[in-house]
C-alpha atoms as a PDB file:
ATOM      1  CA  MET A   1     -47.555  -8.184 -31.583  1.00  0.00           C
ATOM      2  CA  GLY A   2     -46.302 -10.850 -33.973  1.00  0.00           C
ATOM      3  CA  PRO A   3     -43.813 -13.674 -33.391  1.00  0.00           C
ATOM      4  CA  ARG A   4     -40.221 -12.704 -32.666  1.00  0.00           C
ATOM      5  CA  SER A   5     -37.532 -13.336 -35.230  1.00  0.00           C
ATOM      6  CA  PRO A   6     -34.697 -15.708 -34.326  1.00  0.00           C
ATOM      7  CA  ALA A   7     -32.234 -12.766 -34.363  1.00  0.00           C
ATOM      8  CA  THR A   8     -34.382 -10.786 -31.912  1.00  0.00           C
ATOM      9  CA  THR A   9     -34.692 -13.813 -29.618  1.00  0.00           C
ATOM     10  CA  LEU A  10     -30.933 -14.446 -29.736  1.00  0.00           C
ATOM     11  CA  ARG A  11     -30.158 -10.760 -29.080  1.00  0.00           C
ATOM     12  CA  ALA A  12     -32.514 -10.737 -26.076  1.00  0.00           C
ATOM     13  CA  PHE A  13     -30.907 -13.910 -24.748  1.00  0.00           C
ATOM     14  CA  LEU A  14     -27.336 -12.601 -25.132  1.00  0.00           C
ATOM     15  CA  THR A  15     -27.979  -9.103 -23.782  1.00  0.00           C
ATOM     16  CA  PRO A  16     -27.385  -8.949 -20.008  1.00  0.00           C
ATOM     17  CA  PRO A  17     -30.220  -7.510 -17.973  1.00  0.00           C
ATOM     18  CA  PRO A  18     -29.709  -3.847 -17.041  1.00  0.00           C
ATOM     19  CA  SER A  19     -28.332  -3.338 -13.575  1.00  0.00           C
ATOM     20  CA  PRO A  20     -30.117  -0.891 -11.289  1.00  0.00           C
ATOM     21  CA  GLN A  21     -28.453   2.528 -11.045  1.00  0.00           C
ATOM     22  CA  SER A  22     -28.520   2.437  -7.244  1.00  0.00           C
ATOM     23  CA  THR A  23     -26.515  -0.777  -7.008  1.00  0.00           C
ATOM     24  CA  SER A  24     -22.913  -0.017  -6.154  1.00  0.00           C
ATOM     25  CA  ALA A  25     -20.342  -2.690  -5.449  1.00  0.00           C
ATOM     26  CA  SER A  26     -17.259  -1.802  -3.467  1.00  0.00           C
ATOM     27  CA  PRO A  27     -14.616  -0.538  -5.874  1.00  0.00           C
ATOM     28  CA  MET A  28     -11.680  -1.766  -3.817  1.00  0.00           C
ATOM     29  CA  ALA A  29     -10.020  -5.121  -4.373  1.00  0.00           C
ATOM     30  CA  ILE A  30      -8.077  -4.988  -1.112  1.00  0.00           C
ATOM     31  CA  SER A  31      -9.460  -4.340   2.338  1.00  0.00           C
ATOM     32  CA  ALA A  32      -8.642  -1.249   4.344  1.00  0.00           C
ATOM     33  CA  SER A  33      -7.363  -3.384   7.235  1.00  0.00           C
ATOM     34  CA  TYR A  34      -4.810  -4.813   4.798  1.00  0.00           C
ATOM     35  CA  VAL A  35      -3.517  -1.282   4.272  1.00  0.00           C
ATOM     36  CA  ALA A  36      -2.915  -0.684   7.955  1.00  0.00           C
ATOM     37  CA  GLU A  37      -1.334  -4.081   8.619  1.00  0.00           C
ATOM     38  CA  THR A  38       0.916  -4.492   5.566  1.00  0.00           C
ATOM     39  CA  SER A  39       2.674  -2.414   2.996  1.00  0.00           C
ATOM     40  CA  GLY A  40      -0.430  -2.342   0.803  1.00  0.00           C
ATOM     41  CA  CYS A  41      -0.763   1.422   1.112  1.00  0.00           C
ATOM     42  CA  ASP A  42       0.416   2.336  -2.399  1.00  0.00           C
ATOM     43  CA  GLY A  43      -1.813  -0.236  -4.094  1.00  0.00           C
ATOM     44  CA  PHE A  44      -4.807   0.820  -2.026  1.00  0.00           C
ATOM     45  CA  LEU A  45      -4.297   4.508  -2.831  1.00  0.00           C
ATOM     46  CA  LEU A  46      -3.842   3.707  -6.518  1.00  0.00           C
ATOM     47  CA  GLN A  47      -7.170   1.886  -6.579  1.00  0.00           C
ATOM     48  CA  VAL A  48      -8.873   4.775  -4.789  1.00  0.00           C
ATOM     49  CA  VAL A  49      -7.527   7.408  -7.201  1.00  0.00           C
ATOM     50  CA  LEU A  50      -8.432   5.260 -10.215  1.00  0.00           C
ATOM     51  CA  TYR A  51     -11.982   4.855  -8.950  1.00  0.00           C
ATOM     52  CA  ILE A  52     -12.239   8.602  -8.331  1.00  0.00           C
ATOM     53  CA  GLU A  53     -10.968   9.330 -11.855  1.00  0.00           C
ATOM     54  CA  MET A  54     -13.529   6.966 -13.361  1.00  0.00           C
ATOM     55  CA  GLN A  55     -16.363   8.667 -11.427  1.00  0.00           C
ATOM     56  CA  PRO A  56     -15.622  12.413 -11.793  1.00  0.00           C
ATOM     57  CA  LEU A  57     -19.248  13.451 -11.294  1.00  0.00           C
ATOM     58  CA  LYS A  58     -19.347  11.775  -7.868  1.00  0.00           C
ATOM     59  CA  PHE A  59     -16.236  13.537  -6.582  1.00  0.00           C
ATOM     60  CA  THR A  60     -16.518  17.216  -7.400  1.00  0.00           C
ATOM     61  CA  THR A  61     -14.621  18.523  -4.356  1.00  0.00           C
ATOM     62  CA  GLU A  62     -11.377  17.629  -2.647  1.00  0.00           C
ATOM     63  CA  ARG A  63     -13.303  16.998   0.577  1.00  0.00           C
ATOM     64  CA  SER A  64     -15.580  14.456  -1.159  1.00  0.00           C
ATOM     65  CA  LYS A  65     -12.479  12.559  -2.350  1.00  0.00           C
ATOM     66  CA  VAL A  66     -11.090  12.499   1.200  1.00  0.00           C
ATOM     67  CA  ALA A  67     -14.480  11.424   2.564  1.00  0.00           C
ATOM     68  CA  PHE A  68     -14.615   8.550   0.075  1.00  0.00           C
ATOM     69  CA  LEU A  69     -11.151   7.344   1.034  1.00  0.00           C
ATOM     70  CA  ILE A  70     -12.048   7.533   4.742  1.00  0.00           C
ATOM     71  CA  SER A  71     -15.237   5.544   4.097  1.00  0.00           C
ATOM     72  CA  LEU A  72     -13.062   2.612   3.001  1.00  0.00           C
ATOM     73  CA  LEU A  73     -10.924   2.543   6.154  1.00  0.00           C
ATOM     74  CA  SER A  74     -11.270   0.447   9.284  1.00  0.00           C
ATOM     75  CA  GLY A  75      -9.399  -0.175  12.523  1.00  0.00           C
ATOM     76  CA  ARG A  76      -6.467   2.094  13.318  1.00  0.00           C
ATOM     77  CA  ALA A  77      -6.577   3.766   9.946  1.00  0.00           C
ATOM     78  CA  LEU A  78     -10.189   4.777  10.578  1.00  0.00           C
ATOM     79  CA  SER A  79      -9.378   5.978  14.111  1.00  0.00           C
ATOM     80  CA  TRP A  80      -6.580   8.125  12.725  1.00  0.00           C
ATOM     81  CA  ALA A  81      -8.816   9.540   9.972  1.00  0.00           C
ATOM     82  CA  ARG A  82     -11.649  10.229  12.420  1.00  0.00           C
ATOM     83  CA  ALA A  83      -9.298  12.319  14.570  1.00  0.00           C
ATOM     84  CA  ILE A  84      -8.264  14.361  11.536  1.00  0.00           C
ATOM     85  CA  TRP A  85     -11.823  14.720  10.210  1.00  0.00           C
ATOM     86  CA  ASN A  86     -13.144  15.909  13.600  1.00  0.00           C
ATOM     87  CA  GLY A  87     -10.013  17.815  14.626  1.00  0.00           C
ATOM     88  CA  ALA A  88      -8.851  21.349  14.229  1.00  0.00           C
ATOM     89  CA  ASN A  89      -6.528  20.308  11.392  1.00  0.00           C
ATOM     90  CA  SER A  90      -9.215  20.784   8.752  1.00  0.00           C
ATOM     91  CA  VAL A  91      -6.694  21.910   6.125  1.00  0.00           C
ATOM     92  CA  ILE A  92      -5.718  18.280   5.519  1.00  0.00           C
ATOM     93  CA  ILE A  93      -9.272  17.189   4.697  1.00  0.00           C
ATOM     94  CA  LYS A  94      -9.670  20.031   2.202  1.00  0.00           C
ATOM     95  CA  SER A  95      -6.886  18.641   0.007  1.00  0.00           C
ATOM     96  CA  TYR A  96      -6.884  15.061  -1.257  1.00  0.00           C
ATOM     97  CA  GLU A  97      -3.160  15.303  -1.971  1.00  0.00           C
ATOM     98  CA  ALA A  98      -2.343  16.584   1.535  1.00  0.00           C
ATOM     99  CA  PHE A  99      -4.505  13.892   3.108  1.00  0.00           C
ATOM    100  CA  THR A 100      -2.970  11.050   1.096  1.00  0.00           C
ATOM    101  CA  ASN A 101       0.555  12.363   1.715  1.00  0.00           C
ATOM    102  CA  HIS A 102      -0.108  12.313   5.446  1.00  0.00           C
ATOM    103  CA  PHE A 103      -1.753   8.884   5.107  1.00  0.00           C
ATOM    104  CA  LYS A 104       1.355   7.548   3.321  1.00  0.00           C
ATOM    105  CA  GLU A 105       3.623   8.955   6.042  1.00  0.00           C
ATOM    106  CA  LEU A 106       1.782   6.915   8.617  1.00  0.00           C
ATOM    107  CA  PHE A 107       0.695   3.762   6.781  1.00  0.00           C
ATOM    108  CA  GLY A 108       3.155   3.599   3.880  1.00  0.00           C
ATOM    109  CA  SER A 109       6.163   1.350   3.783  1.00  0.00           C
ATOM    110  CA  ALA A 110       8.668   4.189   3.544  1.00  0.00           C
ATOM    111  CA  THR A 111      10.289   5.068   6.806  1.00  0.00           C
ATOM    112  CA  GLY A 112       9.969   8.706   7.603  1.00  0.00           C
ATOM    113  CA  GLU A 113       9.769  10.919  10.617  1.00  0.00           C
ATOM    114  CA  LEU A 114       6.350  10.808  12.259  1.00  0.00           C
ATOM    115  CA  SER A 115       4.637  13.723  13.915  1.00  0.00           C
ATOM    116  CA  ILE A 116       4.165  13.641  17.692  1.00  0.00           C
ATOM    117  CA  SER A 117       0.434  12.898  17.305  1.00  0.00           C
ATOM    118  CA  ASP A 118       1.181   9.997  14.942  1.00  0.00           C
ATOM    119  CA  GLN A 119       3.831   8.647  17.331  1.00  0.00           C
ATOM    120  CA  LEU A 120       1.220   8.704  20.107  1.00  0.00           C
ATOM    121  CA  LEU A 121      -1.216   6.806  17.874  1.00  0.00           C
ATOM    122  CA  TRP A 122       1.303   3.973  17.505  1.00  0.00           C
ATOM    123  CA  LEU A 123       2.427   3.985  21.154  1.00  0.00           C
ATOM    124  CA  HIS A 124       2.153   0.613  22.934  1.00  0.00           C
ATOM    125  CA  GLN A 125       2.248  -0.530  26.539  1.00  0.00           C
ATOM    126  CA  GLY A 126       3.020  -4.215  26.623  1.00  0.00           C
ATOM    127  CA  ALA A 127       0.747  -6.011  24.156  1.00  0.00           C
ATOM    128  CA  PHE A 128      -1.838  -3.205  24.132  1.00  0.00           C
ATOM    129  CA  SER A 129      -1.884  -0.014  22.088  1.00  0.00           C
ATOM    130  CA  THR A 130      -2.843   3.282  23.675  1.00  0.00           C
ATOM    131  CA  ASN A 131      -6.129   3.031  21.762  1.00  0.00           C
ATOM    132  CA  ASP A 132      -6.937  -0.229  23.575  1.00  0.00           C
END
């Protein structure tokens, strides 16, 4: 192999090294705990749906979209999602739209009427929640 031309050397220097296919950084710019504690619900859901749209081959079913969203949750939001995922109400996890609508009812900034189960989730006794 002969000496490299200056153009080839410059191209090699300026070209970033390929990143491994298995490396996957978190797609979310805001934390899931932020969603549960503030009115960041709409921004969070927008970022999730944008990520899903940019990765259509990863999310081929409604359930995989719901599972991805749940994987980003923590704290009370995760406890709520776990109850739905493991509960008899499996219809909600089969539809991304139904799941996010229910998610917005509970964690969104809009005031709406909560279901009895959601009211129980937010029930407090003194400084402690019923979860605690």
